[in-house]
Amino acid sequence: MTEADVKQLIVTIVKPLVADPDAIKIETDRDAHFLNFNLSVAPDDVGRVIGKHGRVAQAIRTIVYSVRVGDSLRVRLNIVDD
């Protein structure tokens, strides 16, 4: 999978969960072993994406973490709360 494919996967999963899908922003950052995706949503939607006791966030991460990008980089998803 490419970086764009993973971005699209995250948006596809998160879009039905939020009330303001236009506020979804994903920034990427690379380091030695990981491709970090920083997900930010509208302030009112952060709780919907995280879920009770982090269960929704963990389910999203389980799906996204199963993906490898290019040069065997592992994917990491961070939910940014501004």
PDB file of N, CA and C in Angstrom:
ATOM      1  N   MET A   1       0.832  -1.191   0.000  1.00  0.00           N
ATOM      2  CA  MET A   1       0.000   0.000   0.000  1.00  0.00           C
ATOM      3  C   MET A   1       0.866   1.241   0.000  1.00  0.00           C
ATOM      4  N   THR A   2       0.337   2.285  -0.566  1.00  0.00           N
ATOM      5  CA  THR A   2       1.053   3.551  -0.571  1.00  0.00           C
ATOM      6  C   THR A   2       0.554   4.431   0.572  1.00  0.00           C
ATOM      7  N   GLU A   3       1.266   5.511   0.773  1.00  0.00           N
ATOM      8  CA  GLU A   3       0.889   6.465   1.822  1.00  0.00           C
ATOM      9  C   GLU A   3      -0.500   7.039   1.558  1.00  0.00           C
ATOM     10  N   ALA A   4      -0.806   7.325   0.301  1.00  0.00           N
ATOM     11  CA  ALA A   4      -2.120   7.862  -0.055  1.00  0.00           C
ATOM     12  C   ALA A   4      -3.229   6.845   0.210  1.00  0.00           C
ATOM     13  N   ASP A   5      -2.948   5.567  -0.010  1.00  0.00           N
ATOM     14  CA  ASP A   5      -3.939   4.522   0.251  1.00  0.00           C
ATOM     15  C   ASP A   5      -4.268   4.433   1.741  1.00  0.00           C
ATOM     16  N   VAL A   6      -3.238   4.550   2.580  1.00  0.00           N
ATOM     17  CA  VAL A   6      -3.458   4.486   4.021  1.00  0.00           C
ATOM     18  C   VAL A   6      -4.247   5.707   4.482  1.00  0.00           C
ATOM     19  N   LYS A   7      -3.926   6.866   3.934  1.00  0.00           N
ATOM     20  CA  LYS A   7      -4.680   8.086   4.258  1.00  0.00           C
ATOM     21  C   LYS A   7      -6.154   7.907   3.912  1.00  0.00           C
ATOM     22  N   GLN A   8      -6.415   7.371   2.735  1.00  0.00           N
ATOM     23  CA  GLN A   8      -7.789   7.150   2.295  1.00  0.00           C
ATOM     24  C   GLN A   8      -8.495   6.134   3.180  1.00  0.00           C
ATOM     25  N   LEU A   9      -7.777   5.106   3.619  1.00  0.00           N
ATOM     26  CA  LEU A   9      -8.338   4.114   4.533  1.00  0.00           C
ATOM     27  C   LEU A   9      -8.767   4.762   5.844  1.00  0.00           C
ATOM     28  N   ILE A  10      -7.912   5.611   6.397  1.00  0.00           N
ATOM     29  CA  ILE A  10      -8.236   6.300   7.652  1.00  0.00           C
ATOM     30  C   ILE A  10      -9.453   7.194   7.474  1.00  0.00           C
ATOM     31  N   VAL A  11      -9.488   7.953   6.382  1.00  0.00           N
ATOM     32  CA  VAL A  11     -10.633   8.843   6.135  1.00  0.00           C
ATOM     33  C   VAL A  11     -11.906   8.026   5.964  1.00  0.00           C
ATOM     34  N   THR A  12     -11.836   6.912   5.268  1.00  0.00           N
ATOM     35  CA  THR A  12     -13.004   6.064   5.052  1.00  0.00           C
ATOM     36  C   THR A  12     -13.552   5.525   6.368  1.00  0.00           C
ATOM     37  N   ILE A  13     -12.671   5.190   7.300  1.00  0.00           N
ATOM     38  CA  ILE A  13     -13.108   4.678   8.596  1.00  0.00           C
ATOM     39  C   ILE A  13     -13.672   5.782   9.479  1.00  0.00           C
ATOM     40  N   VAL A  14     -13.022   6.946   9.487  1.00  0.00           N
ATOM     41  CA  VAL A  14     -13.370   8.016  10.424  1.00  0.00           C
ATOM     42  C   VAL A  14     -14.569   8.843   9.962  1.00  0.00           C
ATOM     43  N   LYS A  15     -14.738   9.010   8.670  1.00  0.00           N
ATOM     44  CA  LYS A  15     -15.784   9.897   8.139  1.00  0.00           C
ATOM     45  C   LYS A  15     -17.193   9.593   8.663  1.00  0.00           C
ATOM     46  N   PRO A  16     -17.633   8.331   8.719  1.00  0.00           N
ATOM     47  CA  PRO A  16     -18.988   8.074   9.238  1.00  0.00           C
ATOM     48  C   PRO A  16     -19.135   8.304  10.743  1.00  0.00           C
ATOM     49  N   LEU A  17     -18.010   8.397  11.456  1.00  0.00           N
ATOM     50  CA  LEU A  17     -18.064   8.555  12.906  1.00  0.00           C
ATOM     51  C   LEU A  17     -18.255   9.997  13.361  1.00  0.00           C
ATOM     52  N   VAL A  18     -17.880  10.949  12.519  1.00  0.00           N
ATOM     53  CA  VAL A  18     -17.853  12.349  12.936  1.00  0.00           C
ATOM     54  C   VAL A  18     -19.051  13.127  12.391  1.00  0.00           C
ATOM     55  N   ALA A  19     -19.371  14.213  13.080  1.00  0.00           N
ATOM     56  CA  ALA A  19     -20.469  15.076  12.643  1.00  0.00           C
ATOM     57  C   ALA A  19     -20.010  16.078  11.583  1.00  0.00           C
ATOM     58  N   ASP A  20     -18.719  16.428  11.600  1.00  0.00           N
ATOM     59  CA  ASP A  20     -18.168  17.401  10.653  1.00  0.00           C
ATOM     60  C   ASP A  20     -17.041  16.744   9.848  1.00  0.00           C
ATOM     61  N   PRO A  21     -17.384  16.000   8.785  1.00  0.00           N
ATOM     62  CA  PRO A  21     -16.353  15.292   8.023  1.00  0.00           C
ATOM     63  C   PRO A  21     -15.386  16.214   7.281  1.00  0.00           C
ATOM     64  N   ASP A  22     -15.776  17.464   7.052  1.00  0.00           N
ATOM     65  CA  ASP A  22     -14.885  18.401   6.362  1.00  0.00           C
ATOM     66  C   ASP A  22     -13.714  18.825   7.242  1.00  0.00           C
ATOM     67  N   ALA A  23     -13.798  18.618   8.548  1.00  0.00           N
ATOM     68  CA  ALA A  23     -12.748  19.032   9.471  1.00  0.00           C
ATOM     69  C   ALA A  23     -11.671  17.961   9.655  1.00  0.00           C
ATOM     70  N   ILE A  24     -11.802  16.831   8.978  1.00  0.00           N
ATOM     71  CA  ILE A  24     -10.804  15.764   9.108  1.00  0.00           C
ATOM     72  C   ILE A  24      -9.520  16.194   8.400  1.00  0.00           C
ATOM     73  N   LYS A  25      -8.414  16.146   9.137  1.00  0.00           N
ATOM     74  CA  LYS A  25      -7.106  16.480   8.565  1.00  0.00           C
ATOM     75  C   LYS A  25      -6.124  15.402   8.985  1.00  0.00           C
ATOM     76  N   ILE A  26      -5.316  14.980   8.039  1.00  0.00           N
ATOM     77  CA  ILE A  26      -4.302  13.971   8.316  1.00  0.00           C
ATOM     78  C   ILE A  26      -2.959  14.487   7.831  1.00  0.00           C
ATOM     79  N   GLU A  27      -2.002  14.541   8.736  1.00  0.00           N
ATOM     80  CA  GLU A  27      -0.634  14.929   8.392  1.00  0.00           C
ATOM     81  C   GLU A  27       0.257  13.714   8.580  1.00  0.00           C
ATOM     82  N   THR A  28       1.272  13.589   7.748  1.00  0.00           N
ATOM     83  CA  THR A  28       2.175  12.445   7.853  1.00  0.00           C
ATOM     84  C   THR A  28       3.565  12.897   8.265  1.00  0.00           C
ATOM     85  N   ASP A  29       4.262  11.987   8.918  1.00  0.00           N
ATOM     86  CA  ASP A  29       5.607  12.249   9.394  1.00  0.00           C
ATOM     87  C   ASP A  29       6.354  10.918   9.370  1.00  0.00           C
ATOM     88  N   ARG A  30       7.547  10.915   8.813  1.00  0.00           N
ATOM     89  CA  ARG A  30       8.346   9.686   8.736  1.00  0.00           C
ATOM     90  C   ARG A  30       9.490   9.731   9.736  1.00  0.00           C
ATOM     91  N   ASP A  31       9.776   8.580  10.304  1.00  0.00           N
ATOM     92  CA  ASP A  31      11.010   8.428  11.059  1.00  0.00           C
ATOM     93  C   ASP A  31      11.650   7.111  10.622  1.00  0.00           C
ATOM     94  N   ALA A  32      12.614   6.607  11.349  1.00  0.00           N
ATOM     95  CA  ALA A  32      13.383   5.448  10.904  1.00  0.00           C
ATOM     96  C   ALA A  32      12.527   4.201  10.661  1.00  0.00           C
ATOM     97  N   HIS A  33      11.559   3.940  11.531  1.00  0.00           N
ATOM     98  CA  HIS A  33      10.802   2.698  11.434  1.00  0.00           C
ATOM     99  C   HIS A  33       9.306   2.891  11.215  1.00  0.00           C
ATOM    100  N   PHE A  34       8.815   4.098  11.402  1.00  0.00           N
ATOM    101  CA  PHE A  34       7.374   4.322  11.373  1.00  0.00           C
ATOM    102  C   PHE A  34       6.987   5.418  10.390  1.00  0.00           C
ATOM    103  N   LEU A  35       5.799   5.279   9.864  1.00  0.00           N
ATOM    104  CA  LEU A  35       5.137   6.337   9.115  1.00  0.00           C
ATOM    105  C   LEU A  35       3.982   6.778   9.998  1.00  0.00           C
ATOM    106  N   ASN A  36       4.111   7.949  10.605  1.00  0.00           N
ATOM    107  CA  ASN A  36       3.135   8.448  11.570  1.00  0.00           C
ATOM    108  C   ASN A  36       2.048   9.237  10.849  1.00  0.00           C
ATOM    109  N   PHE A  37       0.803   8.899  11.133  1.00  0.00           N
ATOM    110  CA  PHE A  37      -0.338   9.639  10.621  1.00  0.00           C
ATOM    111  C   PHE A  37      -0.972  10.355  11.808  1.00  0.00           C
ATOM    112  N   ASN A  38      -0.987  11.685  11.753  1.00  0.00           N
ATOM    113  CA  ASN A  38      -1.569  12.503  12.817  1.00  0.00           C
ATOM    114  C   ASN A  38      -2.963  12.934  12.376  1.00  0.00           C
ATOM    115  N   LEU A  39      -3.964  12.376  13.018  1.00  0.00           N
ATOM    116  CA  LEU A  39      -5.359  12.630  12.670  1.00  0.00           C
ATOM    117  C   LEU A  39      -5.922  13.707  13.576  1.00  0.00           C
ATOM    118  N   SER A  40      -6.491  14.740  12.965  1.00  0.00           N
ATOM    119  CA  SER A  40      -7.189  15.753  13.756  1.00  0.00           C
ATOM    120  C   SER A  40      -8.592  15.917  13.198  1.00  0.00           C
ATOM    121  N   VAL A  41      -9.549  16.056  14.101  1.00  0.00           N
ATOM    122  CA  VAL A  41     -10.952  16.248  13.747  1.00  0.00           C
ATOM    123  C   VAL A  41     -11.466  17.462  14.508  1.00  0.00           C
ATOM    124  N   ALA A  42     -12.703  17.828  14.263  1.00  0.00           N
ATOM    125  CA  ALA A  42     -13.313  18.953  14.979  1.00  0.00           C
ATOM    126  C   ALA A  42     -13.317  18.646  16.480  1.00  0.00           C
ATOM    127  N   PRO A  43     -13.193  19.680  17.329  1.00  0.00           N
ATOM    128  CA  PRO A  43     -13.156  19.453  18.780  1.00  0.00           C
ATOM    129  C   PRO A  43     -14.356  18.670  19.316  1.00  0.00           C
ATOM    130  N   ASP A  44     -15.514  18.860  18.731  1.00  0.00           N
ATOM    131  CA  ASP A  44     -16.703  18.139  19.196  1.00  0.00           C
ATOM    132  C   ASP A  44     -16.668  16.658  18.803  1.00  0.00           C
ATOM    133  N   ASP A  45     -15.844  16.299  17.822  1.00  0.00           N
ATOM    134  CA  ASP A  45     -15.813  14.932  17.316  1.00  0.00           C
ATOM    135  C   ASP A  45     -14.698  14.074  17.913  1.00  0.00           C
ATOM    136  N   VAL A  46     -13.831  14.667  18.703  1.00  0.00           N
ATOM    137  CA  VAL A  46     -12.706  13.913  19.262  1.00  0.00           C
ATOM    138  C   VAL A  46     -13.209  12.747  20.108  1.00  0.00           C
ATOM    139  N   GLY A  47     -14.213  12.981  20.918  1.00  0.00           N
ATOM    140  CA  GLY A  47     -14.771  11.916  21.752  1.00  0.00           C
ATOM    141  C   GLY A  47     -15.383  10.792  20.939  1.00  0.00           C
ATOM    142  N   ARG A  48     -15.959  11.122  19.805  1.00  0.00           N
ATOM    143  CA  ARG A  48     -16.550  10.092  18.943  1.00  0.00           C
ATOM    144  C   ARG A  48     -15.475   9.203  18.330  1.00  0.00           C
ATOM    145  N   VAL A  49     -14.345   9.795  17.989  1.00  0.00           N
ATOM    146  CA  VAL A  49     -13.265   9.029  17.374  1.00  0.00           C
ATOM    147  C   VAL A  49     -12.535   8.185  18.417  1.00  0.00           C
ATOM    148  N   ILE A  50     -12.410   8.692  19.628  1.00  0.00           N
ATOM    149  CA  ILE A  50     -11.727   7.941  20.680  1.00  0.00           C
ATOM    150  C   ILE A  50     -12.656   6.885  21.268  1.00  0.00           C
ATOM    151  N   GLY A  51     -13.895   7.232  21.534  1.00  0.00           N
ATOM    152  CA  GLY A  51     -14.859   6.277  22.071  1.00  0.00           C
ATOM    153  C   GLY A  51     -14.697   6.069  23.558  1.00  0.00           C
ATOM    154  N   LYS A  52     -15.625   5.324  24.137  1.00  0.00           N
ATOM    155  CA  LYS A  52     -15.562   5.034  25.573  1.00  0.00           C
ATOM    156  C   LYS A  52     -14.351   4.158  25.863  1.00  0.00           C
ATOM    157  N   HIS A  53     -13.556   4.605  26.807  1.00  0.00           N
ATOM    158  CA  HIS A  53     -12.342   3.891  27.221  1.00  0.00           C
ATOM    159  C   HIS A  53     -11.390   3.636  26.056  1.00  0.00           C
ATOM    160  N   GLY A  54     -11.488   4.443  24.982  1.00  0.00           N
ATOM    161  CA  GLY A  54     -10.576   4.317  23.846  1.00  0.00           C
ATOM    162  C   GLY A  54     -10.847   3.133  22.941  1.00  0.00           C
ATOM    163  N   ARG A  55     -12.021   2.563  23.030  1.00  0.00           N
ATOM    164  CA  ARG A  55     -12.320   1.348  22.259  1.00  0.00           C
ATOM    165  C   ARG A  55     -12.408   1.612  20.757  1.00  0.00           C
ATOM    166  N   VAL A  56     -13.005   2.724  20.360  1.00  0.00           N
ATOM    167  CA  VAL A  56     -13.120   3.033  18.931  1.00  0.00           C
ATOM    168  C   VAL A  56     -11.732   3.313  18.356  1.00  0.00           C
ATOM    169  N   ALA A  57     -10.937   4.100  19.070  1.00  0.00           N
ATOM    170  CA  ALA A  57      -9.579   4.398  18.620  1.00  0.00           C
ATOM    171  C   ALA A  57      -8.757   3.124  18.499  1.00  0.00           C
ATOM    172  N   GLN A  58      -8.900   2.221  19.437  1.00  0.00           N
ATOM    173  CA  GLN A  58      -8.156   0.962  19.389  1.00  0.00           C
ATOM    174  C   GLN A  58      -8.590   0.115  18.200  1.00  0.00           C
ATOM    175  N   ALA A  59      -9.867   0.103  17.895  1.00  0.00           N
ATOM    176  CA  ALA A  59     -10.357  -0.654  16.739  1.00  0.00           C
ATOM    177  C   ALA A  59      -9.812  -0.074  15.440  1.00  0.00           C
ATOM    178  N   ILE A  60      -9.787   1.256  15.327  1.00  0.00           N
ATOM    179  CA  ILE A  60      -9.233   1.906  14.138  1.00  0.00           C
ATOM    180  C   ILE A  60      -7.752   1.577  14.018  1.00  0.00           C
ATOM    181  N   ARG A  61      -7.031   1.655  15.124  1.00  0.00           N
ATOM    182  CA  ARG A  61      -5.592   1.364  15.101  1.00  0.00           C
ATOM    183  C   ARG A  61      -5.320  -0.092  14.731  1.00  0.00           C
ATOM    184  N   THR A  62      -6.156  -1.005  15.180  1.00  0.00           N
ATOM    185  CA  THR A  62      -5.968  -2.419  14.839  1.00  0.00           C
ATOM    186  C   THR A  62      -6.019  -2.608  13.330  1.00  0.00           C
ATOM    187  N   ILE A  63      -6.938  -1.956  12.678  1.00  0.00           N
ATOM    188  CA  ILE A  63      -7.049  -2.062  11.217  1.00  0.00           C
ATOM    189  C   ILE A  63      -5.861  -1.397  10.541  1.00  0.00           C
ATOM    190  N   VAL A  64      -5.536  -0.190  10.968  1.00  0.00           N
ATOM    191  CA  VAL A  64      -4.480   0.581  10.306  1.00  0.00           C
ATOM    192  C   VAL A  64      -3.102  -0.029  10.560  1.00  0.00           C
ATOM    193  N   TYR A  65      -2.869  -0.566  11.741  1.00  0.00           N
ATOM    194  CA  TYR A  65      -1.552  -1.126  12.067  1.00  0.00           C
ATOM    195  C   TYR A  65      -1.242  -2.398  11.294  1.00  0.00           C
ATOM    196  N   SER A  66      -2.244  -3.023  10.695  1.00  0.00           N
ATOM    197  CA  SER A  66      -2.002  -4.241   9.936  1.00  0.00           C
ATOM    198  C   SER A  66      -1.414  -3.943   8.556  1.00  0.00           C
ATOM    199  N   VAL A  67      -1.296  -2.666   8.214  1.00  0.00           N
ATOM    200  CA  VAL A  67      -0.823  -2.251   6.896  1.00  0.00           C
ATOM    201  C   VAL A  67       0.673  -1.945   6.954  1.00  0.00           C
ATOM    202  N   ARG A  68       1.383  -2.355   5.925  1.00  0.00           N
ATOM    203  CA  ARG A  68       2.793  -1.981   5.766  1.00  0.00           C
ATOM    204  C   ARG A  68       2.895  -1.098   4.531  1.00  0.00           C
ATOM    205  N   VAL A  69       3.758  -0.094   4.620  1.00  0.00           N
ATOM    206  CA  VAL A  69       3.906   0.856   3.521  1.00  0.00           C
ATOM    207  C   VAL A  69       5.299   0.721   2.936  1.00  0.00           C
ATOM    208  N   GLY A  70       5.357   0.587   1.630  1.00  0.00           N
ATOM    209  CA  GLY A  70       6.614   0.638   0.891  1.00  0.00           C
ATOM    210  C   GLY A  70       7.748  -0.181   1.461  1.00  0.00           C
ATOM    211  N   ASP A  71       8.741   0.483   1.986  1.00  0.00           N
ATOM    212  CA  ASP A  71       9.977  -0.150   2.447  1.00  0.00           C
ATOM    213  C   ASP A  71       9.814  -0.773   3.821  1.00  0.00           C
ATOM    214  N   SER A  72       8.755  -1.517   4.020  1.00  0.00           N
ATOM    215  CA  SER A  72       8.417  -2.195   5.275  1.00  0.00           C
ATOM    216  C   SER A  72       8.321  -1.230   6.457  1.00  0.00           C
ATOM    217  N   LEU A  73       7.903   0.001   6.190  1.00  0.00           N
ATOM    218  CA  LEU A  73       7.638   0.949   7.274  1.00  0.00           C
ATOM    219  C   LEU A  73       6.351   0.552   7.967  1.00  0.00           C
ATOM    220  N   ARG A  74       6.348   0.612   9.269  1.00  0.00           N
ATOM    221  CA  ARG A  74       5.131   0.337  10.028  1.00  0.00           C
ATOM    222  C   ARG A  74       4.340   1.627  10.154  1.00  0.00           C
ATOM    223  N   VAL A  75       3.035   1.486  10.267  1.00  0.00           N
ATOM    224  CA  VAL A  75       2.136   2.634  10.343  1.00  0.00           C
ATOM    225  C   VAL A  75       1.758   2.879  11.794  1.00  0.00           C
ATOM    226  N   ARG A  76       1.720   4.145  12.178  1.00  0.00           N
ATOM    227  CA  ARG A  76       1.301   4.538  13.517  1.00  0.00           C
ATOM    228  C   ARG A  76       0.261   5.644  13.368  1.00  0.00           C
ATOM    229  N   LEU A  77      -0.843   5.534  14.108  1.00  0.00           N
ATOM    230  CA  LEU A  77      -1.912   6.528  14.064  1.00  0.00           C
ATOM    231  C   LEU A  77      -1.970   7.273  15.388  1.00  0.00           C
ATOM    232  N   ASN A  78      -1.855   8.594  15.319  1.00  0.00           N
ATOM    233  CA  ASN A  78      -1.967   9.455  16.481  1.00  0.00           C
ATOM    234  C   ASN A  78      -3.198  10.331  16.312  1.00  0.00           C
ATOM    235  N   ILE A  79      -4.026  10.379  17.342  1.00  0.00           N
ATOM    236  CA  ILE A  79      -5.206  11.249  17.312  1.00  0.00           C
ATOM    237  C   ILE A  79      -4.823  12.531  18.056  1.00  0.00           C
ATOM    238  N   VAL A  80      -4.794  13.627  17.305  1.00  0.00           N
ATOM    239  CA  VAL A  80      -4.349  14.909  17.849  1.00  0.00           C
ATOM    240  C   VAL A  80      -5.557  15.653  18.421  1.00  0.00           C
ATOM    241  N   ASP A  81      -5.455  16.052  19.671  1.00  0.00           N
ATOM    242  CA  ASP A  81      -6.522  16.799  20.327  1.00  0.00           C
ATOM    243  C   ASP A  81      -6.011  18.211  20.574  1.00  0.00           C
ATOM    244  N   ASP A  82      -6.502  19.152  19.772  1.00  0.00           N
ATOM    245  CA  ASP A  82      -6.029  20.552  19.894  1.00  0.00           C
ATOM    246  C   ASP A  82      -6.758  21.302  20.955  1.00  0.00           C
TER     247      ASP A  82
END
